[in-house]
Amino acid sequence: MNPINTGNGRLQQITVRVTTDDNPDLAARNHVDVANLPVQVFGRAEGR
């Protein structure tokens, strides 16, 4: 078993769009798409 995935289901890949642009028009902002980031979850979600 992969030590990152403790049996809670399949790992999923997401892409996050990162920007520091403050243009109020979201579509016009300069951005960079970032993928394959490690994610660490702290705490528990309610109801789980």
PDB file of N, CA and C in Angstrom:
ATOM      1  N   MET A   1       0.855  -1.195   0.000  1.00  0.00           N
ATOM      2  CA  MET A   1       0.000   0.000   0.000  1.00  0.00           C
ATOM      3  C   MET A   1       0.886   1.238   0.000  1.00  0.00           C
ATOM      4  N   ASN A   2       0.502   2.208  -0.758  1.00  0.00           N
ATOM      5  CA  ASN A   2       1.207   3.482  -0.793  1.00  0.00           C
ATOM      6  C   ASN A   2       1.066   4.153   0.577  1.00  0.00           C
ATOM      7  N   PRO A   3       2.175   4.546   1.231  1.00  0.00           N
ATOM      8  CA  PRO A   3       2.074   5.147   2.566  1.00  0.00           C
ATOM      9  C   PRO A   3       1.315   6.473   2.582  1.00  0.00           C
ATOM     10  N   ILE A   4       1.211   7.131   1.439  1.00  0.00           N
ATOM     11  CA  ILE A   4       0.466   8.395   1.373  1.00  0.00           C
ATOM     12  C   ILE A   4      -1.032   8.119   1.388  1.00  0.00           C
ATOM     13  N   ASN A   5      -1.472   7.054   0.727  1.00  0.00           N
ATOM     14  CA  ASN A   5      -2.885   6.715   0.655  1.00  0.00           C
ATOM     15  C   ASN A   5      -3.146   5.596   1.660  1.00  0.00           C
ATOM     16  N   THR A   6      -3.784   5.910   2.753  1.00  0.00           N
ATOM     17  CA  THR A   6      -3.986   4.947   3.844  1.00  0.00           C
ATOM     18  C   THR A   6      -5.265   4.141   3.671  1.00  0.00           C
ATOM     19  N   GLY A   7      -5.662   3.875   2.443  1.00  0.00           N
ATOM     20  CA  GLY A   7      -6.844   3.064   2.205  1.00  0.00           C
ATOM     21  C   GLY A   7      -8.133   3.846   2.190  1.00  0.00           C
ATOM     22  N   ASN A   8      -8.049   5.162   2.105  1.00  0.00           N
ATOM     23  CA  ASN A   8      -9.250   5.998   2.114  1.00  0.00           C
ATOM     24  C   ASN A   8      -9.801   6.231   0.718  1.00  0.00           C
ATOM     25  N   GLY A   9      -9.335   5.488  -0.259  1.00  0.00           N
ATOM     26  CA  GLY A   9      -9.820   5.665  -1.628  1.00  0.00           C
ATOM     27  C   GLY A   9      -8.680   6.019  -2.555  1.00  0.00           C
ATOM     28  N   ARG A  10      -9.026   6.153  -3.824  1.00  0.00           N
ATOM     29  CA  ARG A  10      -8.013   6.478  -4.836  1.00  0.00           C
ATOM     30  C   ARG A  10      -7.492   7.884  -4.660  1.00  0.00           C
ATOM     31  N   LEU A  11      -6.216   8.029  -4.938  1.00  0.00           N
ATOM     32  CA  LEU A  11      -5.646   9.375  -4.991  1.00  0.00           C
ATOM     33  C   LEU A  11      -6.139  10.040  -6.266  1.00  0.00           C
ATOM     34  N   GLN A  12      -6.428  11.320  -6.197  1.00  0.00           N
ATOM     35  CA  GLN A  12      -6.896  12.045  -7.366  1.00  0.00           C
ATOM     36  C   GLN A  12      -5.922  13.156  -7.686  1.00  0.00           C
ATOM     37  N   GLN A  13      -5.764  13.412  -8.975  1.00  0.00           N
ATOM     38  CA  GLN A  13      -4.893  14.500  -9.397  1.00  0.00           C
ATOM     39  C   GLN A  13      -5.759  15.713  -9.688  1.00  0.00           C
ATOM     40  N   ILE A  14      -5.363  16.841  -9.148  1.00  0.00           N
ATOM     41  CA  ILE A  14      -6.057  18.087  -9.438  1.00  0.00           C
ATOM     42  C   ILE A  14      -5.039  19.100  -9.946  1.00  0.00           C
ATOM     43  N   THR A  15      -5.514  20.101 -10.629  1.00  0.00           N
ATOM     44  CA  THR A  15      -4.686  21.217 -11.061  1.00  0.00           C
ATOM     45  C   THR A  15      -5.219  22.468 -10.387  1.00  0.00           C
ATOM     46  N   VAL A  16      -4.313  23.237  -9.821  1.00  0.00           N
ATOM     47  CA  VAL A  16      -4.682  24.461  -9.108  1.00  0.00           C
ATOM     48  C   VAL A  16      -4.220  25.652  -9.929  1.00  0.00           C
ATOM     49  N   ARG A  17      -5.086  26.614 -10.103  1.00  0.00           N
ATOM     50  CA  ARG A  17      -4.737  27.840 -10.826  1.00  0.00           C
ATOM     51  C   ARG A  17      -4.306  28.880  -9.792  1.00  0.00           C
ATOM     52  N   VAL A  18      -3.064  29.361  -9.924  1.00  0.00           N
ATOM     53  CA  VAL A  18      -2.474  30.279  -8.951  1.00  0.00           C
ATOM     54  C   VAL A  18      -2.300  31.640  -9.596  1.00  0.00           C
ATOM     55  N   THR A  19      -2.698  32.686  -8.858  1.00  0.00           N
ATOM     56  CA  THR A  19      -2.512  34.051  -9.349  1.00  0.00           C
ATOM     57  C   THR A  19      -2.233  34.988  -8.182  1.00  0.00           C
ATOM     58  N   THR A  20      -1.454  36.016  -8.443  1.00  0.00           N
ATOM     59  CA  THR A  20      -1.284  37.104  -7.478  1.00  0.00           C
ATOM     60  C   THR A  20      -1.824  38.400  -8.072  1.00  0.00           C
ATOM     61  N   ASP A  21      -2.459  38.289  -9.220  1.00  0.00           N
ATOM     62  CA  ASP A  21      -3.041  39.424  -9.922  1.00  0.00           C
ATOM     63  C   ASP A  21      -4.308  39.868  -9.183  1.00  0.00           C
ATOM     64  N   ASP A  22      -4.520  41.163  -9.045  1.00  0.00           N
ATOM     65  CA  ASP A  22      -5.708  41.638  -8.329  1.00  0.00           C
ATOM     66  C   ASP A  22      -6.784  42.198  -9.260  1.00  0.00           C
ATOM     67  N   ASN A  23      -6.702  41.867 -10.547  1.00  0.00           N
ATOM     68  CA  ASN A  23      -7.711  42.315 -11.495  1.00  0.00           C
ATOM     69  C   ASN A  23      -9.066  41.753 -11.080  1.00  0.00           C
ATOM     70  N   PRO A  24     -10.093  42.579 -10.928  1.00  0.00           N
ATOM     71  CA  PRO A  24     -11.404  42.078 -10.520  1.00  0.00           C
ATOM     72  C   PRO A  24     -12.049  41.142 -11.555  1.00  0.00           C
ATOM     73  N   ASP A  25     -11.620  41.224 -12.811  1.00  0.00           N
ATOM     74  CA  ASP A  25     -12.113  40.318 -13.849  1.00  0.00           C
ATOM     75  C   ASP A  25     -11.277  39.036 -13.793  1.00  0.00           C
ATOM     76  N   LEU A  26     -11.859  37.965 -13.227  1.00  0.00           N
ATOM     77  CA  LEU A  26     -11.102  36.726 -13.022  1.00  0.00           C
ATOM     78  C   LEU A  26     -10.554  36.156 -14.322  1.00  0.00           C
ATOM     79  N   ALA A  27     -11.298  36.253 -15.402  1.00  0.00           N
ATOM     80  CA  ALA A  27     -10.860  35.699 -16.684  1.00  0.00           C
ATOM     81  C   ALA A  27      -9.659  36.456 -17.251  1.00  0.00           C
ATOM     82  N   ALA A  28      -9.479  37.708 -16.850  1.00  0.00           N
ATOM     83  CA  ALA A  28      -8.390  38.525 -17.386  1.00  0.00           C
ATOM     84  C   ALA A  28      -7.107  38.427 -16.554  1.00  0.00           C
ATOM     85  N   ARG A  29      -7.158  37.755 -15.416  1.00  0.00           N
ATOM     86  CA  ARG A  29      -5.975  37.661 -14.557  1.00  0.00           C
ATOM     87  C   ARG A  29      -4.885  36.802 -15.178  1.00  0.00           C
ATOM     88  N   ASN A  30      -3.646  37.205 -14.936  1.00  0.00           N
ATOM     89  CA  ASN A  30      -2.513  36.362 -15.287  1.00  0.00           C
ATOM     90  C   ASN A  30      -2.458  35.234 -14.270  1.00  0.00           C
ATOM     91  N   HIS A  31      -2.156  34.009 -14.721  1.00  0.00           N
ATOM     92  CA  HIS A  31      -2.166  32.878 -13.808  1.00  0.00           C
ATOM     93  C   HIS A  31      -1.192  31.801 -14.276  1.00  0.00           C
ATOM     94  N   VAL A  32      -0.922  30.865 -13.384  1.00  0.00           N
ATOM     95  CA  VAL A  32      -0.105  29.690 -13.673  1.00  0.00           C
ATOM     96  C   VAL A  32      -0.879  28.482 -13.165  1.00  0.00           C
ATOM     97  N   ASP A  33      -0.973  27.422 -13.974  1.00  0.00           N
ATOM     98  CA  ASP A  33      -1.601  26.177 -13.544  1.00  0.00           C
ATOM     99  C   ASP A  33      -0.529  25.287 -12.920  1.00  0.00           C
ATOM    100  N   VAL A  34      -0.805  24.782 -11.738  1.00  0.00           N
ATOM    101  CA  VAL A  34       0.148  23.949 -11.008  1.00  0.00           C
ATOM    102  C   VAL A  34      -0.499  22.593 -10.748  1.00  0.00           C
ATOM    103  N   ALA A  35       0.226  21.515 -11.035  1.00  0.00           N
ATOM    104  CA  ALA A  35      -0.290  20.162 -10.819  1.00  0.00           C
ATOM    105  C   ALA A  35       0.723  19.369 -10.002  1.00  0.00           C
ATOM    106  N   ASN A  36       0.284  18.224  -9.501  1.00  0.00           N
ATOM    107  CA  ASN A  36       1.136  17.284  -8.771  1.00  0.00           C
ATOM    108  C   ASN A  36       1.691  17.861  -7.475  1.00  0.00           C
ATOM    109  N   LEU A  37       0.860  18.599  -6.766  1.00  0.00           N
ATOM    110  CA  LEU A  37       1.262  19.135  -5.467  1.00  0.00           C
ATOM    111  C   LEU A  37       0.969  18.117  -4.372  1.00  0.00           C
ATOM    112  N   PRO A  38       1.878  17.951  -3.413  1.00  0.00           N
ATOM    113  CA  PRO A  38       1.538  17.098  -2.273  1.00  0.00           C
ATOM    114  C   PRO A  38       0.531  17.839  -1.382  1.00  0.00           C
ATOM    115  N   VAL A  39      -0.417  17.098  -0.827  1.00  0.00           N
ATOM    116  CA  VAL A  39      -1.438  17.701   0.038  1.00  0.00           C
ATOM    117  C   VAL A  39      -1.444  16.970   1.354  1.00  0.00           C
ATOM    118  N   GLN A  40      -1.429  17.723   2.436  1.00  0.00           N
ATOM    119  CA  GLN A  40      -1.527  17.118   3.760  1.00  0.00           C
ATOM    120  C   GLN A  40      -2.779  17.658   4.434  1.00  0.00           C
ATOM    121  N   VAL A  41      -3.641  16.758   4.881  1.00  0.00           N
ATOM    122  CA  VAL A  41      -4.896  17.142   5.510  1.00  0.00           C
ATOM    123  C   VAL A  41      -4.693  17.145   7.025  1.00  0.00           C
ATOM    124  N   PHE A  42      -5.065  18.225   7.652  1.00  0.00           N
ATOM    125  CA  PHE A  42      -4.975  18.343   9.099  1.00  0.00           C
ATOM    126  C   PHE A  42      -6.367  18.267   9.693  1.00  0.00           C
ATOM    127  N   GLY A  43      -6.555  17.491  10.741  1.00  0.00           N
ATOM    128  CA  GLY A  43      -7.845  17.398  11.401  1.00  0.00           C
ATOM    129  C   GLY A  43      -8.763  16.428  10.693  1.00  0.00           C
ATOM    130  N   ARG A  44     -10.012  16.425  11.118  1.00  0.00           N
ATOM    131  CA  ARG A  44     -11.028  15.527  10.543  1.00  0.00           C
ATOM    132  C   ARG A  44     -12.207  16.340  10.064  1.00  0.00           C
ATOM    133  N   ALA A  45     -12.821  15.879   8.992  1.00  0.00           N
ATOM    134  CA  ALA A  45     -14.032  16.508   8.514  1.00  0.00           C
ATOM    135  C   ALA A  45     -15.201  16.037   9.374  1.00  0.00           C
ATOM    136  N   GLU A  46     -16.100  16.910   9.696  1.00  0.00           N
ATOM    137  CA  GLU A  46     -17.273  16.548  10.490  1.00  0.00           C
ATOM    138  C   GLU A  46     -18.101  15.514   9.739  1.00  0.00           C
ATOM    139  N   GLY A  47     -18.649  14.567  10.450  1.00  0.00           N
ATOM    140  CA  GLY A  47     -19.517  13.559   9.851  1.00  0.00           C
ATOM    141  C   GLY A  47     -18.762  12.409   9.206  1.00  0.00           C
ATOM    142  N   ARG A  48     -17.467  12.337   9.431  1.00  0.00           N
ATOM    143  CA  ARG A  48     -16.683  11.238   8.827  1.00  0.00           C
ATOM    144  C   ARG A  48     -16.127  10.358   9.899  1.00  0.00           C
TER     145      ARG A  48
END
